[in-house]
Amino acid sequence: MKFLSYRLYFTGAITLTIWALLLWNHYHGGVPSHHLLHRKDLPEISDWWSGLLLPLLTLFLTYRIQKRLVRNNENKTGFLKFPKNIFYRFLSTLLYGALISLLFYLGYSKITGYLFNGIILLALFFPIYRAECLLGFVLGLTFTFGAVISTTAGIIFVIIGLVLYLYVRRGVIFLFKKIKALITSQSKTISLFILVLSLVSFEGYYQISTDTRLENNWFKL
């Protein structure tokens, strides 16, 4: 299948890139290691694991994308239409992860914290639990944090995003629709009440006006 070729080419490109980066680091001061949660009292993980994890993760997540495309393929002809929104989600999370990496590398850890917290807010509006989002996010973070820590953080955000987008968001939308329907119903009831009250008032005024005219005519007689 054509998409399988794209998967293999993309995985191969990721593999070459990460191993080129690891070898460059090896001959220029050594391959870095990263402490969990950036705390020196916790174990550190070498970036050498990125050379193994990142290609496997890429192959697995692109398989998940392919599986979803096959499931949603309407014409069943075997030719998979690649929706643009998958590419946009991948690119957006890649840039978001790269921005976090860059700011952390430059020492802006406080802004980095805000961006991490912002993911939780974004999860209410966008399906960040998708495979392409996880892949883009991990690739964007790997340069600074390594693939192991990046993948761990990505999986945590995927779980949070899944709960928020599929359950909390739907619950909020359902509650909003119920409140809107209730307000609309109450508005109609109030409008009907005002209309009836207006008709009653008009009828009373008309009756009083009629009685007054009759009395006046009677006195003239």
N, C-alpha and C. Protein backbone atom coordinates (compact mmCIF):
# COMPACT_ATOMS: atom_id res chain seq x y z
N MET A 1 0.84 -1.18 0.00
CA MET A 1 0.00 0.00 0.00
C MET A 1 0.89 1.24 0.00
N LYS A 2 0.43 2.29 -0.65
CA LYS A 2 1.25 3.47 -0.82
C LYS A 2 1.59 4.12 0.52
N PHE A 3 0.64 4.15 1.44
CA PHE A 3 0.88 4.78 2.74
C PHE A 3 1.95 4.03 3.52
N LEU A 4 2.04 2.73 3.34
CA LEU A 4 3.08 1.94 4.00
C LEU A 4 4.46 2.41 3.57
N SER A 5 4.62 2.73 2.29
CA SER A 5 5.90 3.24 1.81
C SER A 5 6.25 4.57 2.47
N TYR A 6 5.24 5.43 2.60
CA TYR A 6 5.46 6.71 3.28
C TYR A 6 5.88 6.49 4.73
N ARG A 7 5.24 5.55 5.38
CA ARG A 7 5.58 5.24 6.77
C ARG A 7 7.04 4.81 6.89
N LEU A 8 7.46 3.93 6.02
CA LEU A 8 8.82 3.42 6.07
C LEU A 8 9.84 4.52 5.74
N TYR A 9 9.53 5.34 4.74
CA TYR A 9 10.43 6.44 4.40
C TYR A 9 10.55 7.43 5.57
N PHE A 10 9.41 7.75 6.16
CA PHE A 10 9.41 8.71 7.27
C PHE A 10 10.16 8.14 8.47
N THR A 11 9.92 6.88 8.78
CA THR A 11 10.64 6.23 9.89
C THR A 11 12.13 6.18 9.61
N GLY A 12 12.49 5.89 8.37
CA GLY A 12 13.90 5.88 8.01
C GLY A 12 14.54 7.25 8.16
N ALA A 13 13.80 8.31 7.78
CA ALA A 13 14.33 9.66 7.92
C ALA A 13 14.52 10.03 9.39
N ILE A 14 13.56 9.65 10.22
CA ILE A 14 13.68 9.91 11.66
C ILE A 14 14.86 9.14 12.24
N THR A 15 15.03 7.90 11.82
CA THR A 15 16.13 7.08 12.32
C THR A 15 17.48 7.70 11.96
N LEU A 16 17.64 8.09 10.70
CA LEU A 16 18.89 8.71 10.27
C LEU A 16 19.16 10.01 11.02
N THR A 17 18.10 10.80 11.24
CA THR A 17 18.26 12.09 11.92
C THR A 17 18.69 11.91 13.36
N ILE A 18 18.02 11.01 14.08
CA ILE A 18 18.35 10.85 15.50
C ILE A 18 19.73 10.24 15.68
N TRP A 19 20.10 9.30 14.81
CA TRP A 19 21.43 8.70 14.95
C TRP A 19 22.53 9.66 14.50
N ALA A 20 22.24 10.50 13.55
CA ALA A 20 23.21 11.55 13.18
C ALA A 20 23.42 12.51 14.34
N LEU A 21 22.34 12.86 15.03
CA LEU A 21 22.45 13.74 16.19
C LEU A 21 23.23 13.08 17.32
N LEU A 22 22.96 11.79 17.56
CA LEU A 22 23.66 11.07 18.63
C LEU A 22 25.15 10.95 18.33
N LEU A 23 25.50 10.64 17.10
CA LEU A 23 26.92 10.51 16.74
C LEU A 23 27.62 11.86 16.80
N TRP A 24 26.94 12.92 16.41
CA TRP A 24 27.52 14.25 16.49
C TRP A 24 27.80 14.62 17.95
N ASN A 25 26.82 14.32 18.82
CA ASN A 25 27.01 14.58 20.25
C ASN A 25 28.15 13.73 20.82
N HIS A 26 28.24 12.49 20.36
CA HIS A 26 29.26 11.58 20.87
C HIS A 26 30.67 12.10 20.60
N TYR A 27 30.86 12.69 19.44
CA TYR A 27 32.19 13.20 19.07
C TYR A 27 32.37 14.69 19.40
N HIS A 28 31.38 15.27 20.05
CA HIS A 28 31.48 16.68 20.44
C HIS A 28 31.07 16.85 21.90
N GLY A 29 31.72 16.14 22.77
CA GLY A 29 31.47 16.31 24.20
C GLY A 29 30.70 15.19 24.84
N GLY A 30 30.16 14.26 24.07
CA GLY A 30 29.44 13.13 24.64
C GLY A 30 27.93 13.26 24.52
N VAL A 31 27.28 12.10 24.50
CA VAL A 31 25.82 12.06 24.43
C VAL A 31 25.25 12.45 25.78
N PRO A 32 24.36 13.44 25.82
CA PRO A 32 23.84 13.90 27.12
C PRO A 32 22.87 12.91 27.74
N SER A 33 22.71 13.06 29.05
CA SER A 33 21.72 12.32 29.82
C SER A 33 20.80 13.31 30.51
N HIS A 34 19.59 12.88 30.79
CA HIS A 34 18.58 13.78 31.37
C HIS A 34 18.00 13.16 32.63
N HIS A 35 17.95 13.95 33.69
CA HIS A 35 17.33 13.51 34.94
C HIS A 35 15.81 13.57 34.82
N LEU A 36 15.14 12.63 35.43
CA LEU A 36 13.69 12.66 35.48
C LEU A 36 13.23 13.90 36.24
N LEU A 37 12.24 14.58 35.67
CA LEU A 37 11.68 15.82 36.24
C LEU A 37 12.74 16.90 36.44
N HIS A 38 13.88 16.72 35.76
CA HIS A 38 14.97 17.70 35.85
C HIS A 38 15.48 17.85 37.28
N ARG A 39 15.43 16.75 38.04
CA ARG A 39 15.91 16.75 39.42
C ARG A 39 17.10 15.81 39.53
N LYS A 40 18.20 16.33 40.10
CA LYS A 40 19.44 15.56 40.15
C LYS A 40 19.38 14.39 41.13
N ASP A 41 18.40 14.39 42.03
CA ASP A 41 18.26 13.28 42.97
C ASP A 41 17.50 12.11 42.36
N LEU A 42 17.01 12.28 41.13
CA LEU A 42 16.30 11.21 40.43
C LEU A 42 17.21 10.62 39.36
N PRO A 43 16.91 9.38 38.93
CA PRO A 43 17.77 8.72 37.92
C PRO A 43 17.84 9.52 36.62
N GLU A 44 18.97 9.37 35.92
CA GLU A 44 19.14 10.01 34.63
C GLU A 44 19.11 8.97 33.52
N ILE A 45 18.62 9.40 32.37
CA ILE A 45 18.45 8.51 31.23
C ILE A 45 19.29 9.03 30.07
N SER A 46 20.10 8.16 29.50
CA SER A 46 20.97 8.55 28.41
C SER A 46 20.18 8.73 27.12
N ASP A 47 20.63 9.67 26.30
CA ASP A 47 19.99 9.90 25.00
C ASP A 47 20.24 8.77 24.01
N TRP A 48 21.15 7.84 24.33
CA TRP A 48 21.36 6.70 23.44
C TRP A 48 20.07 5.91 23.26
N TRP A 49 19.21 5.92 24.29
CA TRP A 49 17.93 5.20 24.18
C TRP A 49 17.04 5.82 23.11
N SER A 50 17.28 7.08 22.79
CA SER A 50 16.48 7.75 21.75
C SER A 50 16.66 7.08 20.40
N GLY A 51 17.88 6.57 20.15
CA GLY A 51 18.15 5.91 18.88
C GLY A 51 17.34 4.65 18.68
N LEU A 52 16.91 4.05 19.77
CA LEU A 52 16.07 2.84 19.69
C LEU A 52 14.60 3.18 19.79
N LEU A 53 14.27 4.07 20.74
CA LEU A 53 12.86 4.36 21.01
C LEU A 53 12.19 5.15 19.90
N LEU A 54 12.87 6.17 19.40
CA LEU A 54 12.23 7.08 18.45
C LEU A 54 11.82 6.39 17.14
N PRO A 55 12.68 5.55 16.53
CA PRO A 55 12.22 4.83 15.32
C PRO A 55 11.04 3.90 15.59
N LEU A 56 11.08 3.19 16.72
CA LEU A 56 9.98 2.28 17.05
C LEU A 56 8.69 3.05 17.30
N LEU A 57 8.80 4.17 18.01
CA LEU A 57 7.62 4.99 18.28
C LEU A 57 7.05 5.55 16.99
N THR A 58 7.92 6.01 16.10
CA THR A 58 7.46 6.55 14.82
C THR A 58 6.74 5.49 13.99
N LEU A 59 7.32 4.30 13.95
CA LEU A 59 6.70 3.21 13.19
C LEU A 59 5.35 2.83 13.78
N PHE A 60 5.26 2.80 15.10
CA PHE A 60 4.00 2.42 15.76
C PHE A 60 2.93 3.48 15.56
N LEU A 61 3.27 4.75 15.77
CA LEU A 61 2.27 5.81 15.68
C LEU A 61 1.81 6.04 14.25
N THR A 62 2.70 5.90 13.29
CA THR A 62 2.26 6.00 11.89
C THR A 62 1.36 4.81 11.51
N TYR A 63 1.60 3.66 12.15
CA TYR A 63 0.70 2.52 11.95
C TYR A 63 -0.69 2.84 12.49
N ARG A 64 -0.73 3.51 13.66
CA ARG A 64 -2.02 3.89 14.24
C ARG A 64 -2.76 4.87 13.31
N ILE A 65 -2.01 5.77 12.71
CA ILE A 65 -2.63 6.70 11.76
C ILE A 65 -3.17 5.96 10.55
N GLN A 66 -2.37 5.02 10.03
CA GLN A 66 -2.79 4.24 8.87
C GLN A 66 -4.04 3.41 9.20
N LYS A 67 -4.06 2.84 10.37
CA LYS A 67 -5.21 2.03 10.77
C LYS A 67 -6.47 2.88 10.84
N ARG A 68 -6.35 4.10 11.35
CA ARG A 68 -7.51 4.99 11.42
C ARG A 68 -7.97 5.40 10.03
N LEU A 69 -7.03 5.64 9.13
CA LEU A 69 -7.39 6.00 7.76
C LEU A 69 -8.09 4.85 7.05
N VAL A 70 -7.63 3.63 7.28
CA VAL A 70 -8.28 2.47 6.67
C VAL A 70 -9.69 2.32 7.20
N ARG A 71 -9.87 2.54 8.50
CA ARG A 71 -11.19 2.42 9.10
C ARG A 71 -12.15 3.48 8.58
N ASN A 72 -11.63 4.67 8.30
CA ASN A 72 -12.47 5.77 7.83
C ASN A 72 -12.52 5.88 6.31
N ASN A 73 -11.86 4.95 5.61
CA ASN A 73 -11.84 4.99 4.16
C ASN A 73 -13.22 4.65 3.62
N GLU A 74 -13.86 5.62 2.97
CA GLU A 74 -15.25 5.45 2.55
C GLU A 74 -15.38 4.63 1.27
N ASN A 75 -14.46 4.84 0.33
CA ASN A 75 -14.64 4.17 -0.96
C ASN A 75 -14.14 2.72 -0.94
N LYS A 76 -13.36 2.34 0.06
CA LYS A 76 -12.88 0.96 0.22
C LYS A 76 -12.13 0.46 -1.01
N THR A 77 -11.47 1.36 -1.71
CA THR A 77 -10.74 0.96 -2.92
C THR A 77 -9.29 0.59 -2.64
N GLY A 78 -8.86 0.83 -1.41
CA GLY A 78 -7.47 0.55 -1.06
C GLY A 78 -6.60 1.78 -1.14
N PHE A 79 -7.09 2.83 -1.81
CA PHE A 79 -6.35 4.08 -1.88
C PHE A 79 -6.77 4.96 -0.72
N LEU A 80 -5.82 5.31 0.12
CA LEU A 80 -6.12 6.07 1.33
C LEU A 80 -6.00 7.56 1.07
N LYS A 81 -7.06 8.28 1.37
CA LYS A 81 -7.01 9.74 1.30
C LYS A 81 -6.40 10.25 2.60
N PHE A 82 -5.37 11.06 2.47
CA PHE A 82 -4.67 11.57 3.65
C PHE A 82 -5.24 12.94 3.99
N PRO A 83 -6.07 13.04 5.04
CA PRO A 83 -6.68 14.33 5.38
C PRO A 83 -5.62 15.35 5.79
N LYS A 84 -5.85 16.59 5.41
CA LYS A 84 -4.90 17.64 5.74
C LYS A 84 -4.85 17.91 7.23
N ASN A 85 -5.97 17.65 7.94
CA ASN A 85 -5.97 17.97 9.36
C ASN A 85 -4.98 17.11 10.14
N ILE A 86 -4.67 15.91 9.63
CA ILE A 86 -3.66 15.08 10.28
C ILE A 86 -2.29 15.74 10.17
N PHE A 87 -1.99 16.24 8.99
CA PHE A 87 -0.71 16.93 8.80
C PHE A 87 -0.64 18.20 9.63
N TYR A 88 -1.73 18.96 9.70
CA TYR A 88 -1.76 20.20 10.47
C TYR A 88 -1.59 19.92 11.96
N ARG A 89 -2.24 18.86 12.45
CA ARG A 89 -2.08 18.52 13.87
C ARG A 89 -0.65 18.10 14.17
N PHE A 90 -0.06 17.31 13.27
CA PHE A 90 1.33 16.90 13.47
C PHE A 90 2.26 18.10 13.47
N LEU A 91 2.09 18.99 12.50
CA LEU A 91 2.96 20.15 12.39
C LEU A 91 2.79 21.09 13.59
N SER A 92 1.54 21.28 14.02
CA SER A 92 1.29 22.18 15.15
C SER A 92 1.94 21.67 16.43
N THR A 93 1.78 20.38 16.72
CA THR A 93 2.37 19.83 17.94
C THR A 93 3.89 19.76 17.83
N LEU A 94 4.41 19.54 16.62
CA LEU A 94 5.86 19.56 16.42
C LEU A 94 6.44 20.93 16.76
N LEU A 95 5.79 21.98 16.25
CA LEU A 95 6.25 23.34 16.53
C LEU A 95 6.06 23.71 17.99
N TYR A 96 4.98 23.23 18.58
CA TYR A 96 4.73 23.52 20.00
C TYR A 96 5.80 22.85 20.87
N GLY A 97 6.10 21.60 20.58
CA GLY A 97 7.16 20.91 21.32
C GLY A 97 8.52 21.53 21.09
N ALA A 98 8.79 21.94 19.85
CA ALA A 98 10.07 22.58 19.54
C ALA A 98 10.20 23.92 20.27
N LEU A 99 9.10 24.65 20.40
CA LEU A 99 9.12 25.92 21.13
C LEU A 99 9.43 25.69 22.61
N ILE A 100 8.81 24.67 23.19
CA ILE A 100 9.11 24.32 24.58
C ILE A 100 10.58 23.97 24.74
N SER A 101 11.09 23.16 23.83
CA SER A 101 12.51 22.76 23.89
C SER A 101 13.43 23.97 23.79
N LEU A 102 13.13 24.87 22.86
CA LEU A 102 13.98 26.03 22.65
C LEU A 102 13.98 26.95 23.87
N LEU A 103 12.81 27.22 24.42
CA LEU A 103 12.72 28.10 25.58
C LEU A 103 13.40 27.48 26.80
N PHE A 104 13.26 26.17 26.98
CA PHE A 104 13.92 25.51 28.10
C PHE A 104 15.44 25.54 27.91
N TYR A 105 15.89 25.33 26.69
CA TYR A 105 17.32 25.36 26.39
C TYR A 105 17.92 26.74 26.64
N LEU A 106 17.13 27.79 26.39
CA LEU A 106 17.60 29.16 26.58
C LEU A 106 17.46 29.62 28.03
N GLY A 107 16.86 28.79 28.87
CA GLY A 107 16.76 29.12 30.29
C GLY A 107 15.44 29.73 30.74
N TYR A 108 14.45 29.76 29.84
CA TYR A 108 13.14 30.32 30.20
C TYR A 108 12.24 29.20 30.74
N SER A 109 12.62 28.66 31.88
CA SER A 109 11.89 27.51 32.43
C SER A 109 10.48 27.89 32.88
N LYS A 110 10.30 29.14 33.34
CA LYS A 110 8.97 29.55 33.80
C LYS A 110 7.99 29.58 32.63
N ILE A 111 8.42 30.12 31.50
CA ILE A 111 7.55 30.14 30.30
C ILE A 111 7.29 28.72 29.83
N THR A 112 8.30 27.87 29.93
CA THR A 112 8.11 26.46 29.57
C THR A 112 7.02 25.81 30.41
N GLY A 113 7.02 26.14 31.70
CA GLY A 113 5.97 25.62 32.58
C GLY A 113 4.59 26.08 32.17
N TYR A 114 4.49 27.34 31.76
CA TYR A 114 3.20 27.86 31.29
C TYR A 114 2.74 27.12 30.04
N LEU A 115 3.67 26.84 29.15
CA LEU A 115 3.31 26.14 27.91
C LEU A 115 2.87 24.71 28.19
N PHE A 116 3.53 24.05 29.14
CA PHE A 116 3.09 22.70 29.53
C PHE A 116 1.69 22.74 30.12
N ASN A 117 1.42 23.72 30.98
CA ASN A 117 0.09 23.84 31.57
C ASN A 117 -0.95 24.21 30.51
N GLY A 118 -0.52 24.96 29.50
CA GLY A 118 -1.44 25.34 28.44
C GLY A 118 -1.95 24.16 27.63
N ILE A 119 -1.20 23.06 27.64
CA ILE A 119 -1.64 21.87 26.91
C ILE A 119 -2.95 21.35 27.47
N ILE A 120 -3.11 21.45 28.79
CA ILE A 120 -4.34 20.98 29.43
C ILE A 120 -5.54 21.79 28.94
N LEU A 121 -5.34 23.10 28.79
CA LEU A 121 -6.42 23.95 28.27
C LEU A 121 -6.71 23.63 26.81
N LEU A 122 -5.66 23.43 26.03
CA LEU A 122 -5.85 23.10 24.61
C LEU A 122 -6.57 21.77 24.43
N ALA A 123 -6.40 20.86 25.39
CA ALA A 123 -7.01 19.54 25.28
C ALA A 123 -8.53 19.60 25.31
N LEU A 124 -9.10 20.69 25.82
CA LEU A 124 -10.56 20.84 25.83
C LEU A 124 -11.11 21.19 24.46
N PHE A 125 -10.26 21.71 23.58
CA PHE A 125 -10.72 22.20 22.29
C PHE A 125 -10.17 21.41 21.10
N PHE A 126 -9.07 20.69 21.31
CA PHE A 126 -8.44 19.96 20.22
C PHE A 126 -8.15 18.53 20.65
N PRO A 127 -8.23 17.57 19.70
CA PRO A 127 -7.95 16.16 20.04
C PRO A 127 -6.46 15.87 20.11
N ILE A 128 -5.81 16.31 21.16
CA ILE A 128 -4.36 16.14 21.27
C ILE A 128 -3.97 14.70 21.57
N TYR A 129 -4.95 13.84 21.80
CA TYR A 129 -4.66 12.44 22.08
C TYR A 129 -4.40 11.63 20.80
N ARG A 130 -4.56 12.24 19.63
CA ARG A 130 -4.34 11.53 18.37
C ARG A 130 -2.87 11.15 18.21
N ALA A 131 -2.64 10.10 17.43
CA ALA A 131 -1.28 9.58 17.25
C ALA A 131 -0.36 10.62 16.62
N GLU A 132 -0.87 11.39 15.65
CA GLU A 132 -0.04 12.38 14.99
C GLU A 132 0.37 13.51 15.95
N CYS A 133 -0.51 13.81 16.92
CA CYS A 133 -0.18 14.84 17.91
C CYS A 133 0.93 14.35 18.84
N LEU A 134 0.82 13.12 19.29
CA LEU A 134 1.85 12.56 20.16
C LEU A 134 3.19 12.49 19.44
N LEU A 135 3.17 12.06 18.19
CA LEU A 135 4.41 11.95 17.42
C LEU A 135 5.07 13.31 17.23
N GLY A 136 4.29 14.30 16.84
CA GLY A 136 4.85 15.64 16.64
C GLY A 136 5.39 16.22 17.94
N PHE A 137 4.67 16.03 19.02
CA PHE A 137 5.08 16.56 20.32
C PHE A 137 6.40 15.93 20.78
N VAL A 138 6.50 14.61 20.66
CA VAL A 138 7.71 13.91 21.08
C VAL A 138 8.91 14.33 20.23
N LEU A 139 8.71 14.42 18.92
CA LEU A 139 9.81 14.84 18.04
C LEU A 139 10.28 16.25 18.37
N GLY A 140 9.32 17.11 18.71
CA GLY A 140 9.68 18.48 19.05
C GLY A 140 10.46 18.60 20.35
N LEU A 141 10.19 17.71 21.30
CA LEU A 141 10.84 17.75 22.60
C LEU A 141 12.17 17.01 22.65
N THR A 142 12.37 16.08 21.73
CA THR A 142 13.49 15.14 21.85
C THR A 142 14.85 15.83 21.87
N PHE A 143 15.04 16.87 21.11
CA PHE A 143 16.35 17.53 21.03
C PHE A 143 16.84 17.99 22.40
N THR A 144 15.91 18.47 23.23
CA THR A 144 16.30 19.00 24.54
C THR A 144 16.12 17.99 25.66
N PHE A 145 15.07 17.19 25.61
CA PHE A 145 14.73 16.32 26.74
C PHE A 145 15.03 14.84 26.49
N GLY A 146 15.34 14.48 25.26
CA GLY A 146 15.54 13.08 24.96
C GLY A 146 14.22 12.38 24.68
N ALA A 147 14.27 11.27 23.96
CA ALA A 147 13.03 10.60 23.53
C ALA A 147 12.29 9.93 24.67
N VAL A 148 13.01 9.41 25.66
CA VAL A 148 12.36 8.66 26.75
C VAL A 148 11.49 9.60 27.59
N ILE A 149 12.08 10.70 28.07
CA ILE A 149 11.31 11.64 28.88
C ILE A 149 10.21 12.30 28.05
N SER A 150 10.51 12.61 26.79
CA SER A 150 9.51 13.23 25.92
C SER A 150 8.33 12.31 25.69
N THR A 151 8.61 11.03 25.47
CA THR A 151 7.53 10.06 25.26
C THR A 151 6.70 9.88 26.51
N THR A 152 7.36 9.83 27.66
CA THR A 152 6.64 9.71 28.93
C THR A 152 5.70 10.89 29.15
N ALA A 153 6.24 12.11 28.93
CA ALA A 153 5.40 13.31 29.07
C ALA A 153 4.27 13.30 28.06
N GLY A 154 4.58 12.88 26.83
CA GLY A 154 3.56 12.84 25.79
C GLY A 154 2.42 11.89 26.11
N ILE A 155 2.76 10.72 26.64
CA ILE A 155 1.72 9.73 27.00
C ILE A 155 0.83 10.27 28.12
N ILE A 156 1.44 10.96 29.09
CA ILE A 156 0.65 11.55 30.18
C ILE A 156 -0.34 12.57 29.62
N PHE A 157 0.13 13.41 28.71
CA PHE A 157 -0.77 14.41 28.12
C PHE A 157 -1.81 13.77 27.21
N VAL A 158 -1.48 12.67 26.59
CA VAL A 158 -2.46 11.94 25.77
C VAL A 158 -3.60 11.44 26.65
N ILE A 159 -3.27 10.86 27.80
CA ILE A 159 -4.30 10.37 28.72
C ILE A 159 -5.17 11.51 29.22
N ILE A 160 -4.52 12.62 29.61
CA ILE A 160 -5.28 13.79 30.07
C ILE A 160 -6.16 14.33 28.94
N GLY A 161 -5.59 14.42 27.74
CA GLY A 161 -6.35 14.94 26.61
C GLY A 161 -7.53 14.05 26.24
N LEU A 162 -7.35 12.74 26.35
CA LEU A 162 -8.42 11.80 26.05
C LEU A 162 -9.59 12.00 26.99
N VAL A 163 -9.30 12.12 28.28
CA VAL A 163 -10.36 12.31 29.28
C VAL A 163 -11.06 13.66 29.09
N LEU A 164 -10.27 14.71 28.89
CA LEU A 164 -10.85 16.05 28.78
C LEU A 164 -11.67 16.21 27.51
N TYR A 165 -11.15 15.73 26.38
CA TYR A 165 -11.83 15.97 25.10
C TYR A 165 -13.04 15.05 24.91
N LEU A 166 -12.91 13.80 25.29
CA LEU A 166 -13.99 12.85 25.01
C LEU A 166 -15.05 12.79 26.10
N TYR A 167 -14.72 13.20 27.31
CA TYR A 167 -15.66 13.06 28.42
C TYR A 167 -16.02 14.41 29.05
N VAL A 168 -15.02 15.12 29.53
CA VAL A 168 -15.29 16.40 30.19
C VAL A 168 -15.89 17.39 29.20
N ARG A 169 -15.29 17.49 28.02
CA ARG A 169 -15.79 18.43 27.00
C ARG A 169 -17.21 18.07 26.58
N ARG A 170 -17.48 16.80 26.36
CA ARG A 170 -18.84 16.39 25.98
C ARG A 170 -19.82 16.67 27.09
N GLY A 171 -19.38 16.46 28.34
CA GLY A 171 -20.26 16.74 29.47
C GLY A 171 -20.59 18.22 29.57
N VAL A 172 -19.59 19.07 29.34
CA VAL A 172 -19.81 20.51 29.38
C VAL A 172 -20.75 20.94 28.25
N ILE A 173 -20.54 20.41 27.04
CA ILE A 173 -21.40 20.75 25.91
C ILE A 173 -22.84 20.29 26.17
N PHE A 174 -23.00 19.08 26.70
CA PHE A 174 -24.34 18.56 27.01
C PHE A 174 -25.03 19.44 28.05
N LEU A 175 -24.28 19.83 29.09
CA LEU A 175 -24.85 20.69 30.14
C LEU A 175 -25.21 22.05 29.57
N PHE A 176 -24.36 22.59 28.70
CA PHE A 176 -24.63 23.89 28.09
C PHE A 176 -25.91 23.84 27.24
N LYS A 177 -26.08 22.75 26.47
CA LYS A 177 -27.28 22.61 25.64
C LYS A 177 -28.54 22.52 26.50
N LYS A 178 -28.44 21.79 27.62
CA LYS A 178 -29.59 21.67 28.51
C LYS A 178 -29.96 23.03 29.12
N ILE A 179 -28.95 23.78 29.55
CA ILE A 179 -29.20 25.10 30.13
C ILE A 179 -29.79 26.03 29.07
N LYS A 180 -29.24 25.96 27.85
CA LYS A 180 -29.75 26.80 26.76
C LYS A 180 -31.20 26.47 26.44
N ALA A 181 -31.50 25.15 26.41
CA ALA A 181 -32.88 24.74 26.13
C ALA A 181 -33.82 25.20 27.25
N LEU A 182 -33.33 25.12 28.49
CA LEU A 182 -34.15 25.56 29.62
C LEU A 182 -34.40 27.06 29.56
N ILE A 183 -33.35 27.82 29.24
CA ILE A 183 -33.51 29.28 29.13
C ILE A 183 -34.47 29.64 28.00
N THR A 184 -34.33 28.91 26.86
CA THR A 184 -35.23 29.16 25.72
C THR A 184 -36.67 28.85 26.09
N SER A 185 -36.86 27.73 26.81
CA SER A 185 -38.20 27.35 27.23
C SER A 185 -38.78 28.37 28.20
N GLN A 186 -37.96 28.82 29.14
CA GLN A 186 -38.42 29.83 30.10
C GLN A 186 -38.73 31.14 29.39
N SER A 187 -37.91 31.49 28.39
CA SER A 187 -38.15 32.73 27.65
C SER A 187 -39.48 32.68 26.91
N LYS A 188 -39.76 31.51 26.31
CA LYS A 188 -41.04 31.35 25.61
C LYS A 188 -42.21 31.46 26.59
N THR A 189 -42.04 30.86 27.78
CA THR A 189 -43.10 30.91 28.78
C THR A 189 -43.33 32.35 29.24
N ILE A 190 -42.26 33.07 29.49
CA ILE A 190 -42.36 34.47 29.93
C ILE A 190 -43.00 35.32 28.83
N SER A 191 -42.57 35.07 27.58
CA SER A 191 -43.13 35.83 26.46
C SER A 191 -44.64 35.57 26.33
N LEU A 192 -45.05 34.32 26.50
CA LEU A 192 -46.47 33.97 26.43
C LEU A 192 -47.24 34.63 27.57
N PHE A 193 -46.63 34.62 28.75
CA PHE A 193 -47.28 35.24 29.90
C PHE A 193 -47.47 36.74 29.68
N ILE A 194 -46.43 37.39 29.15
CA ILE A 194 -46.52 38.83 28.87
C ILE A 194 -47.59 39.11 27.82
N LEU A 195 -47.66 38.24 26.80
CA LEU A 195 -48.67 38.41 25.75
C LEU A 195 -50.07 38.29 26.32
N VAL A 196 -50.30 37.24 27.15
CA VAL A 196 -51.62 37.04 27.77
C VAL A 196 -51.96 38.22 28.67
N LEU A 197 -50.95 38.67 29.44
CA LEU A 197 -51.18 39.81 30.33
C LEU A 197 -51.54 41.06 29.54
N SER A 198 -50.85 41.23 28.41
CA SER A 198 -51.14 42.39 27.57
C SER A 198 -52.55 42.33 27.00
N LEU A 199 -52.97 41.12 26.56
CA LEU A 199 -54.32 40.96 26.02
C LEU A 199 -55.37 41.21 27.08
N VAL A 200 -55.11 40.69 28.29
CA VAL A 200 -56.06 40.91 29.38
C VAL A 200 -56.15 42.39 29.71
N SER A 201 -55.01 43.06 29.76
CA SER A 201 -55.00 44.49 30.08
C SER A 201 -55.73 45.29 29.00
N PHE A 202 -55.48 44.90 27.73
CA PHE A 202 -56.14 45.60 26.63
C PHE A 202 -57.65 45.38 26.68
N GLU A 203 -58.05 44.13 26.98
CA GLU A 203 -59.48 43.83 27.06
C GLU A 203 -60.13 44.61 28.20
N GLY A 204 -59.41 44.71 29.34
CA GLY A 204 -59.95 45.47 30.46
C GLY A 204 -60.06 46.94 30.13
N TYR A 205 -59.04 47.46 29.47
CA TYR A 205 -59.07 48.87 29.08
C TYR A 205 -60.20 49.14 28.08
N TYR A 206 -60.36 48.20 27.14
CA TYR A 206 -61.42 48.35 26.15
C TYR A 206 -62.80 48.32 26.81
N GLN A 207 -62.94 47.42 27.81
CA GLN A 207 -64.23 47.30 28.49
C GLN A 207 -64.54 48.57 29.28
N ILE A 208 -63.50 49.11 29.96
CA ILE A 208 -63.70 50.34 30.73
C ILE A 208 -64.05 51.50 29.80
N SER A 209 -63.36 51.58 28.67
CA SER A 209 -63.64 52.64 27.70
C SER A 209 -65.05 52.53 27.17
N THR A 210 -65.51 51.33 26.91
CA THR A 210 -66.87 51.11 26.40
C THR A 210 -67.89 51.52 27.44
N ASP A 211 -67.68 51.12 28.70
CA ASP A 211 -68.61 51.48 29.76
C ASP A 211 -68.67 52.99 29.96
N THR A 212 -67.53 53.64 29.86
CA THR A 212 -67.48 55.10 30.04
C THR A 212 -68.27 55.80 28.95
N ARG A 213 -68.12 55.34 27.71
CA ARG A 213 -68.87 55.95 26.61
C ARG A 213 -70.37 55.76 26.79
N LEU A 214 -70.76 54.57 27.25
CA LEU A 214 -72.19 54.31 27.47
C LEU A 214 -72.76 55.21 28.54
N GLU A 215 -71.99 55.39 29.62
CA GLU A 215 -72.46 56.26 30.69
C GLU A 215 -72.63 57.71 30.21
N ASN A 216 -71.65 58.16 29.43
CA ASN A 216 -71.72 59.52 28.89
C ASN A 216 -72.94 59.70 28.01
N ASN A 217 -73.19 58.70 27.15
CA ASN A 217 -74.35 58.79 26.27
C ASN A 217 -75.67 58.79 27.07
N TRP A 218 -75.67 58.03 28.17
CA TRP A 218 -76.89 57.93 28.98
C TRP A 218 -77.18 59.28 29.66
N PHE A 219 -76.12 59.93 30.15
CA PHE A 219 -76.30 61.23 30.78
C PHE A 219 -76.78 62.27 29.78
N LYS A 220 -76.30 62.17 28.55
CA LYS A 220 -76.76 63.13 27.54
C LYS A 220 -78.23 62.97 27.25
N LEU A 221 -78.71 61.74 27.33
CA LEU A 221 -80.13 61.51 27.09
C LEU A 221 -80.96 62.03 28.28
